[in-house]
C-alpha atoms as a PDB file:
ATOM      1  CA  MET A   1      84.898 105.031 115.648  1.00  0.00           C
ATOM      2  CA  SER A   2      81.539 107.010 115.049  1.00  0.00           C
ATOM      3  CA  GLU A   3      79.302 106.367 112.218  1.00  0.00           C
ATOM      4  CA  SER A   4      80.456 109.739 110.725  1.00  0.00           C
ATOM      5  CA  ASP A   5      83.902 108.119 110.144  1.00  0.00           C
ATOM      6  CA  VAL A   6      82.187 105.670 107.705  1.00  0.00           C
ATOM      7  CA  PRO A   7      81.454 106.905 104.136  1.00  0.00           C
ATOM      8  CA  THR A   8      77.981 106.282 102.820  1.00  0.00           C
ATOM      9  CA  SER A   9      77.729 102.949 101.501  1.00  0.00           C
ATOM     10  CA  ALA A  10      81.328 102.285 102.120  1.00  0.00           C
ATOM     11  CA  VAL A  11      82.472  98.899 100.928  1.00  0.00           C
ATOM     12  CA  ALA A  12      85.316  96.683 102.477  1.00  0.00           C
ATOM     13  CA  ILE A  13      86.884  93.541 101.173  1.00  0.00           C
ATOM     14  CA  VAL A  14      87.871  91.178 104.024  1.00  0.00           C
ATOM     15  CA  THR A  15      89.997  88.071 103.202  1.00  0.00           C
ATOM     16  CA  ALA A  16      90.348  84.893 105.536  1.00  0.00           C
ATOM     17  CA  ALA A  17      86.795  85.874 106.899  1.00  0.00           C
ATOM     18  CA  GLY A  18      85.702  82.338 107.789  1.00  0.00           C
ATOM     19  CA  GLU A  19      87.314  82.326 111.155  1.00  0.00           C
ATOM     20  CA  GLY A  20      89.491  84.136 113.752  1.00  0.00           C
ATOM     21  CA  ILE A  21      90.700  87.582 112.988  1.00  0.00           C
ATOM     22  CA  GLY A  22      88.975  87.739 109.631  1.00  0.00           C
ATOM     23  CA  GLU A  23      85.614  86.695 111.004  1.00  0.00           C
ATOM     24  CA  ALA A  24      86.036  89.460 113.917  1.00  0.00           C
ATOM     25  CA  THR A  25      86.859  91.769 111.364  1.00  0.00           C
ATOM     26  CA  ALA A  26      83.786  91.092 109.374  1.00  0.00           C
ATOM     27  CA  HIS A  27      81.597  91.717 112.507  1.00  0.00           C
ATOM     28  CA  ALA A  28      83.381  94.889 113.352  1.00  0.00           C
ATOM     29  CA  PHE A  29      82.946  96.358 109.959  1.00  0.00           C
ATOM     30  CA  ALA A  30      79.333  95.302 109.478  1.00  0.00           C
ATOM     31  CA  ASP A  31      78.735  97.036 112.888  1.00  0.00           C
ATOM     32  CA  ALA A  32      80.282 100.216 111.670  1.00  0.00           C
ATOM     33  CA  GLY A  33      77.857 100.270 108.717  1.00  0.00           C
ATOM     34  CA  TYR A  34      80.048  98.942 105.936  1.00  0.00           C
ATOM     35  CA  ASP A  35      78.877  96.664 103.253  1.00  0.00           C
ATOM     36  CA  LEU A  36      81.310  93.633 102.793  1.00  0.00           C
ATOM     37  CA  VAL A  37      82.934  91.352 100.378  1.00  0.00           C
ATOM     38  CA  LEU A  38      83.980  88.467 102.512  1.00  0.00           C
ATOM     39  CA  VAL A  39      86.484  86.063 101.088  1.00  0.00           C
ATOM     40  CA  ASP A  40      87.725  82.648 102.209  1.00  0.00           C
ATOM     41  CA  ILE A  41      88.959  79.263 100.775  1.00  0.00           C
ATOM     42  CA  ASN A  42      86.663  77.505 103.266  1.00  0.00           C
ATOM     43  CA  ALA A  43      82.940  77.752 101.827  1.00  0.00           C
ATOM     44  CA  GLU A  44      81.245  76.370 104.957  1.00  0.00           C
ATOM     45  CA  ALA A  45      83.229  78.614 107.436  1.00  0.00           C
ATOM     46  CA  LEU A  46      82.609  81.764 105.039  1.00  0.00           C
ATOM     47  CA  ASP A  47      78.791  80.890 104.919  1.00  0.00           C
ATOM     48  CA  ALA A  48      78.825  80.665 108.666  1.00  0.00           C
ATOM     49  CA  THR A  49      80.265  84.072 109.259  1.00  0.00           C
ATOM     50  CA  ALA A  50      77.941  85.764 106.596  1.00  0.00           C
ATOM     51  CA  ALA A  51      74.920  84.025 108.506  1.00  0.00           C
ATOM     52  CA  ASP A  52      75.748  85.619 111.676  1.00  0.00           C
ATOM     53  CA  LEU A  53      75.740  89.184 110.041  1.00  0.00           C
ATOM     54  CA  PRO A  54      72.575  91.518 109.183  1.00  0.00           C
ATOM     55  CA  SER A  55      70.837  90.255 106.085  1.00  0.00           C
ATOM     56  CA  GLY A  56      72.145  91.855 102.781  1.00  0.00           C
ATOM     57  CA  VAL A  57      75.309  93.325 104.194  1.00  0.00           C
ATOM     58  CA  ALA A  58      77.911  90.670 102.896  1.00  0.00           C
ATOM     59  CA  GLU A  59      78.536  89.273  99.648  1.00  0.00           C
ATOM     60  CA  VAL A  60      80.531  85.901  99.953  1.00  0.00           C
ATOM     61  CA  VAL A  61      83.380  84.817  97.557  1.00  0.00           C
ATOM     62  CA  VAL A  62      85.092  81.582  97.889  1.00  0.00           C
ATOM     63  CA  ALA A  63      88.519  82.152  96.458  1.00  0.00           C
ATOM     64  CA  ASP A  64      92.193  81.170  96.740  1.00  0.00           C
ATOM     65  CA  VAL A  65      93.936  84.689  97.201  1.00  0.00           C
ATOM     66  CA  THR A  66      97.314  83.172  96.302  1.00  0.00           C
ATOM     67  CA  ASP A  67      95.959  82.525  92.760  1.00  0.00           C
ATOM     68  CA  GLU A  68      96.192  85.473  90.341  1.00  0.00           C
ATOM     69  CA  ALA A  69      93.038  84.564  88.358  1.00  0.00           C
ATOM     70  CA  ALA A  70      91.050  84.076  91.522  1.00  0.00           C
ATOM     71  CA  VAL A  71      92.054  87.429  92.845  1.00  0.00           C
ATOM     72  CA  ALA A  72      91.075  89.169  89.639  1.00  0.00           C
ATOM     73  CA  GLY A  73      87.692  87.396  89.759  1.00  0.00           C
ATOM     74  CA  LEU A  74      86.804  88.581  93.170  1.00  0.00           C
ATOM     75  CA  MET A  75      87.722  92.000  92.354  1.00  0.00           C
ATOM     76  CA  ALA A  76      85.528  91.958  89.507  1.00  0.00           C
ATOM     77  CA  HIS A  77      82.752  90.502  91.723  1.00  0.00           C
ATOM     78  CA  ALA A  78      83.131  93.150  94.113  1.00  0.00           C
ATOM     79  CA  LEU A  79      82.788  95.957  91.601  1.00  0.00           C
ATOM     80  CA  GLU A  80      79.943  94.358  89.844  1.00  0.00           C
ATOM     81  CA  SER A  81      78.220  93.884  93.134  1.00  0.00           C
ATOM     82  CA  TYR A  82      78.802  97.312  94.722  1.00  0.00           C
ATOM     83  CA  GLY A  83      80.652  99.589  92.088  1.00  0.00           C
ATOM     84  CA  ARG A  84      83.344 100.489  94.368  1.00  0.00           C
ATOM     85  CA  VAL A  85      85.805  99.311  97.169  1.00  0.00           C
ATOM     86  CA  ASP A  86      86.838 101.675  99.901  1.00  0.00           C
ATOM     87  CA  VAL A  87      88.849  99.281 102.139  1.00  0.00           C
ATOM     88  CA  LEU A  88      90.741  96.103 101.636  1.00  0.00           C
ATOM     89  CA  VAL A  89      91.684  94.149 104.645  1.00  0.00           C
ATOM     90  CA  ASN A  90      94.385  91.482 104.056  1.00  0.00           C
ATOM     91  CA  VAL A  91      93.899  88.990 106.856  1.00  0.00           C
ATOM     92  CA  VAL A  92      94.934  85.758 105.003  1.00  0.00           C
ATOM     93  CA  GLY A  93      97.927  83.990 106.459  1.00  0.00           C
ATOM     94  CA  GLY A  94      99.094  80.943 108.560  1.00  0.00           C
ATOM     95  CA  SER A  95     102.017  79.043 109.939  1.00  0.00           C
ATOM     96  CA  ARG A  96     103.001  75.625 111.049  1.00  0.00           C
ATOM     97  CA  PRO A  97     105.857  75.917 113.567  1.00  0.00           C
ATOM     98  CA  GLY A  98     108.261  73.149 113.882  1.00  0.00           C
ATOM     99  CA  LYS A  99     111.089  73.338 111.350  1.00  0.00           C
ATOM    100  CA  THR A 100     114.258  75.639 111.098  1.00  0.00           C
ATOM    101  CA  ALA A 101     115.543  76.844 107.801  1.00  0.00           C
ATOM    102  CA  ALA A 102     117.934  73.652 107.697  1.00  0.00           C
ATOM    103  CA  GLU A 103     114.835  71.444 107.782  1.00  0.00           C
ATOM    104  CA  LEU A 104     112.334  73.223 105.733  1.00  0.00           C
ATOM    105  CA  THR A 105     111.931  72.179 102.221  1.00  0.00           C
ATOM    106  CA  LEU A 106     111.654  74.759  99.222  1.00  0.00           C
ATOM    107  CA  ASP A 107     108.097  73.665  98.629  1.00  0.00           C
ATOM    108  CA  GLU A 108     107.144  74.451 102.149  1.00  0.00           C
ATOM    109  CA  TRP A 109     109.068  77.648 102.049  1.00  0.00           C
ATOM    110  CA  ASN A 110     107.241  78.752  98.932  1.00  0.00           C
ATOM    111  CA  ARG A 111     103.905  77.863 100.401  1.00  0.00           C
ATOM    112  CA  LEU A 112     104.448  80.001 103.366  1.00  0.00           C
ATOM    113  CA  LEU A 113     105.449  82.873 101.276  1.00  0.00           C
ATOM    114  CA  ALA A 114     102.402  82.475  99.047  1.00  0.00           C
ATOM    115  CA  LEU A 115     100.028  82.269 101.608  1.00  0.00           C
ATOM    116  CA  ASN A 116     101.496  85.109 103.936  1.00  0.00           C
ATOM    117  CA  LEU A 117     102.897  87.548 101.523  1.00  0.00           C
ATOM    118  CA  THR A 118     102.158  86.881  97.806  1.00  0.00           C
ATOM    119  CA  SER A 119      98.381  86.947  98.683  1.00  0.00           C
ATOM    120  CA  THR A 120      98.817  90.304 100.124  1.00  0.00           C
ATOM    121  CA  PHE A 121     100.697  91.542  97.033  1.00  0.00           C
ATOM    122  CA  LEU A 122      98.055  90.069  94.759  1.00  0.00           C
ATOM    123  CA  MET A 123      95.191  91.654  96.645  1.00  0.00           C
ATOM    124  CA  CYS A 124      96.711  94.875  96.868  1.00  0.00           C
ATOM    125  CA  ARG A 125      97.688  95.088  93.268  1.00  0.00           C
ATOM    126  CA  ALA A 126      94.050  94.135  92.224  1.00  0.00           C
ATOM    127  CA  VAL A 127      92.624  97.019  94.210  1.00  0.00           C
ATOM    128  CA  LEU A 128      95.087  99.783  93.952  1.00  0.00           C
ATOM    129  CA  PRO A 129      94.117 100.957  90.381  1.00  0.00           C
ATOM    130  CA  HIS A 130      90.391 101.421  91.298  1.00  0.00           C
ATOM    131  CA  MET A 131      91.306 103.264  94.575  1.00  0.00           C
ATOM    132  CA  GLU A 132      93.728 105.481  92.840  1.00  0.00           C
ATOM    133  CA  GLN A 133      91.153 106.255  90.151  1.00  0.00           C
ATOM    134  CA  ARG A 134      88.722 107.230  92.760  1.00  0.00           C
ATOM    135  CA  GLY A 135      91.485 109.239  94.619  1.00  0.00           C
ATOM    136  CA  LYS A 136      90.856 107.632  98.161  1.00  0.00           C
ATOM    137  CA  GLY A 137      91.035 104.084  99.581  1.00  0.00           C
ATOM    138  CA  ALA A 138      92.559 102.253 102.801  1.00  0.00           C
ATOM    139  CA  ILE A 139      94.444  99.056 102.760  1.00  0.00           C
ATOM    140  CA  VAL A 140      95.118  97.330 106.162  1.00  0.00           C
ATOM    141  CA  ASN A 141      97.645  94.430 106.109  1.00  0.00           C
ATOM    142  CA  VAL A 142      97.893  91.910 108.790  1.00  0.00           C
ATOM    143  CA  SER A 143     101.499  91.038 109.744  1.00  0.00           C
ATOM    144  CA  SER A 144     102.574  89.475 112.872  1.00  0.00           C
ATOM    145  CA  GLY A 145     104.783  90.176 115.863  1.00  0.00           C
ATOM    146  CA  ALA A 146     106.857  87.344 114.727  1.00  0.00           C
ATOM    147  CA  GLY A 147     107.711  89.484 111.725  1.00  0.00           C
ATOM    148  CA  LEU A 148     109.199  91.917 113.873  1.00  0.00           C
ATOM    149  CA  ARG A 149     110.978  89.958 116.721  1.00  0.00           C
ATOM    150  CA  GLY A 150     111.280  86.405 115.118  1.00  0.00           C
ATOM    151  CA  MET A 151     110.064  83.216 116.285  1.00  0.00           C
ATOM    152  CA  ARG A 152     111.788  79.813 116.897  1.00  0.00           C
ATOM    153  CA  ALA A 153     111.403  77.022 114.030  1.00  0.00           C
ATOM    154  CA  ASN A 154     109.193  79.155 111.825  1.00  0.00           C
ATOM    155  CA  PRO A 155     111.573  80.848 109.431  1.00  0.00           C
ATOM    156  CA  GLY A 156     109.228  80.958 106.470  1.00  0.00           C
ATOM    157  CA  TYR A 157     106.314  82.584 108.274  1.00  0.00           C
ATOM    158  CA  VAL A 158     108.751  85.031 109.944  1.00  0.00           C
ATOM    159  CA  ALA A 159     110.327  86.020 106.787  1.00  0.00           C
ATOM    160  CA  ALA A 160     106.883  86.423 104.903  1.00  0.00           C
ATOM    161  CA  LYS A 161     105.179  88.393 107.866  1.00  0.00           C
ATOM    162  CA  ALA A 162     108.344  90.549 107.883  1.00  0.00           C
ATOM    163  CA  GLY A 163     107.801  91.181 104.254  1.00  0.00           C
ATOM    164  CA  VAL A 164     104.124  92.181 104.656  1.00  0.00           C
ATOM    165  CA  GLY A 165     105.391  95.094 106.848  1.00  0.00           C
ATOM    166  CA  ALA A 166     108.080  96.061 104.279  1.00  0.00           C
ATOM    167  CA  LEU A 167     105.453  95.834 101.589  1.00  0.00           C
ATOM    168  CA  THR A 168     103.093  98.077 103.464  1.00  0.00           C
ATOM    169  CA  ARG A 169     105.647 100.861 103.661  1.00  0.00           C
ATOM    170  CA  ALA A 170     106.604 100.416 100.059  1.00  0.00           C
ATOM    171  CA  LEU A 171     102.959 100.585  99.020  1.00  0.00           C
ATOM    172  CA  ALA A 172     102.264 103.871 101.232  1.00  0.00           C
ATOM    173  CA  LEU A 173     105.204 105.618  99.380  1.00  0.00           C
ATOM    174  CA  ASP A 174     104.020 104.710  96.039  1.00  0.00           C
ATOM    175  CA  HIS A 175     100.265 105.112  96.447  1.00  0.00           C
ATOM    176  CA  GLY A 176      99.757 107.395  99.423  1.00  0.00           C
ATOM    177  CA  PRO A 177     100.232 110.626  97.415  1.00  0.00           C
ATOM    178  CA  ASN A 178      97.250 109.277  95.186  1.00  0.00           C
ATOM    179  CA  GLY A 179      95.040 109.131  98.163  1.00  0.00           C
ATOM    180  CA  VAL A 180      95.435 105.529  99.141  1.00  0.00           C
ATOM    181  CA  ARG A 181      96.348 104.914 102.792  1.00  0.00           C
ATOM    182  CA  VAL A 182      98.216 101.745 103.532  1.00  0.00           C
ATOM    183  CA  ASN A 183      98.962 100.599 106.990  1.00  0.00           C
ATOM    184  CA  CYS A 184      99.424  97.268 108.909  1.00  0.00           C
ATOM    185  CA  VAL A 185      98.755  95.606 112.199  1.00  0.00           C
ATOM    186  CA  ALA A 186     101.119  93.195 113.933  1.00  0.00           C
ATOM    187  CA  PRO A 187      99.181  90.975 116.377  1.00  0.00           C
ATOM    188  CA  GLY A 188     100.723  89.240 119.219  1.00  0.00           C
ATOM    189  CA  PRO A 189      99.527  85.709 120.331  1.00  0.00           C
ATOM    190  CA  ILE A 190      95.644  85.714 119.499  1.00  0.00           C
ATOM    191  CA  ARG A 191      93.291  83.171 120.522  1.00  0.00           C
ATOM    192  CA  THR A 192      92.235  82.109 117.031  1.00  0.00           C
ATOM    193  CA  PRO A 193      91.314  78.581 115.765  1.00  0.00           C
ATOM    194  CA  LEU A 194      94.749  78.510 114.068  1.00  0.00           C
ATOM    195  CA  MET A 195      96.447  79.160 117.411  1.00  0.00           C
ATOM    196  CA  ARG A 196      94.495  76.242 118.896  1.00  0.00           C
ATOM    197  CA  ARG A 197      95.442  74.010 116.144  1.00  0.00           C
ATOM    198  CA  ASN A 198      99.094  74.817 116.405  1.00  0.00           C
ATOM    199  CA  ARG A 199      99.431  75.061 120.103  1.00  0.00           C
ATOM    200  CA  THR A 200      98.640  73.109 123.461  1.00  0.00           C
ATOM    201  CA  PRO A 201      96.481  74.826 126.212  1.00  0.00           C
ATOM    202  CA  ASP A 202      99.613  75.067 128.227  1.00  0.00           C
ATOM    203  CA  GLU A 203     101.724  76.696 125.401  1.00  0.00           C
ATOM    204  CA  ILE A 204      98.923  79.286 124.735  1.00  0.00           C
ATOM    205  CA  THR A 205      98.962  80.012 128.694  1.00  0.00           C
ATOM    206  CA  MET A 206     102.800  80.519 128.547  1.00  0.00           C
ATOM    207  CA  MET A 207     102.530  82.969 125.647  1.00  0.00           C
ATOM    208  CA  GLY A 208     100.097  85.080 127.647  1.00  0.00           C
ATOM    209  CA  GLN A 209     102.206  85.146 130.612  1.00  0.00           C
ATOM    210  CA  VAL A 210     105.203  86.971 128.759  1.00  0.00           C
ATOM    211  CA  ALA A 211     102.828  89.886 127.975  1.00  0.00           C
ATOM    212  CA  ILE A 212     102.419  92.914 130.295  1.00  0.00           C
ATOM    213  CA  ALA A 213      98.715  92.305 129.929  1.00  0.00           C
ATOM    214  CA  GLY A 214      99.172  88.860 131.432  1.00  0.00           C
ATOM    215  CA  ARG A 215      97.106  87.061 128.579  1.00  0.00           C
ATOM    216  CA  ILE A 216      96.870  86.480 124.956  1.00  0.00           C
ATOM    217  CA  GLY A 217      94.668  88.558 122.821  1.00  0.00           C
ATOM    218  CA  GLU A 218      91.292  88.013 121.379  1.00  0.00           C
ATOM    219  CA  PRO A 219      90.423  88.348 117.497  1.00  0.00           C
ATOM    220  CA  GLU A 220      87.956  91.321 118.413  1.00  0.00           C
ATOM    221  CA  GLU A 221      90.915  93.315 119.690  1.00  0.00           C
ATOM    222  CA  ILE A 222      92.707  92.954 116.525  1.00  0.00           C
ATOM    223  CA  ALA A 223      89.587  93.863 114.448  1.00  0.00           C
ATOM    224  CA  ALA A 224      89.312  96.914 116.427  1.00  0.00           C
ATOM    225  CA  GLY A 225      92.604  98.202 115.491  1.00  0.00           C
ATOM    226  CA  ILE A 226      91.974  97.302 111.827  1.00  0.00           C
ATOM    227  CA  LEU A 227      88.735  99.257 111.776  1.00  0.00           C
ATOM    228  CA  TRP A 228      90.423 102.270 113.107  1.00  0.00           C
ATOM    229  CA  LEU A 229      93.261 102.239 110.620  1.00  0.00           C
ATOM    230  CA  ALA A 230      90.784 101.992 107.866  1.00  0.00           C
ATOM    231  CA  SER A 231      88.620 104.706 109.102  1.00  0.00           C
ATOM    232  CA  ASP A 232      88.784 108.523 108.456  1.00  0.00           C
ATOM    233  CA  ALA A 233      89.719 108.915 112.110  1.00  0.00           C
ATOM    234  CA  ALA A 234      93.182 107.518 111.007  1.00  0.00           C
ATOM    235  CA  SER A 235      93.554 109.959 108.052  1.00  0.00           C
ATOM    236  CA  TYR A 236      97.000 110.999 108.915  1.00  0.00           C
ATOM    237  CA  VAL A 237      98.414 107.573 109.611  1.00  0.00           C
ATOM    238  CA  MET A 238     100.435 106.151 106.504  1.00  0.00           C
ATOM    239  CA  GLY A 239     102.758 103.350 106.255  1.00  0.00           C
ATOM    240  CA  GLN A 240     102.733 102.238 109.885  1.00  0.00           C
ATOM    241  CA  THR A 241     102.722  98.956 111.495  1.00  0.00           C
ATOM    242  CA  LEU A 242     100.315  98.907 114.716  1.00  0.00           C
ATOM    243  CA  GLU A 243     101.647  96.393 117.111  1.00  0.00           C
ATOM    244  CA  ILE A 244      98.673  94.816 119.050  1.00  0.00           C
ATOM    245  CA  ASP A 245     100.325  92.462 121.334  1.00  0.00           C
ATOM    246  CA  GLY A 246      99.695  93.005 125.047  1.00  0.00           C
ATOM    247  CA  GLY A 247     103.121  94.583 125.415  1.00  0.00           C
ATOM    248  CA  PRO A 248     105.740  91.753 125.592  1.00  0.00           C
ATOM    249  CA  SER A 249     107.626  91.855 128.719  1.00  0.00           C
ATOM    250  CA  SER A 250     110.914  92.213 126.928  1.00  0.00           C
ATOM    251  CA  PHE A 251     109.996  95.809 126.522  1.00  0.00           C
ATOM    252  CA  VAL A 252     110.453  96.501 130.156  1.00  0.00           C
END
């Protein structure tokens, strides 16, 4: 993407910016010339991400984006700091495989939906009135290949990530005519800290072997797709889910 695709003083909010895809996205947008509002619940990780960016590029907000009041506060902070928000990237999410629907408690189910789906809804709801008032904006949500094809012993995560894709289409229909483009990326297996916490090295290697690419992906590869969807280069792309997954071999 060229610098001409980035509006002057464009501002992007990136959630889960402390590590993994969110951290890589922060770097990609900073390199493209955006000012940033970086959000994470982990203050130490968030500060580490910001410290690796050029001075003055990023504001940091420690917040739980599953909390309605916290989301309102961070949106107010973004507008007070920059006066505008051009892009919202909803990266927050997570899973802990190992239980079927028969084994999952209601509290566990609710936590997975709050983290992976409600957080996206709350952030979108907070930013949409501002973007519609300006007549322009881009939202990129992060779903998962699991939300498209399923995953064993992870029903709450699968349902929530499928919901992110459906929410993306609904938002595009409702708000696209007012200038807000809403799209989604669905990563396959990505070498993130979350992946390394949830899976053994052998499991990670096996995941890569089922892809046409012959490997799992890197966070920077997802960030590149997010950056493109947010840019004016993707101005005719609305309500879409872009799969970035190395091409699962089940396709061939």
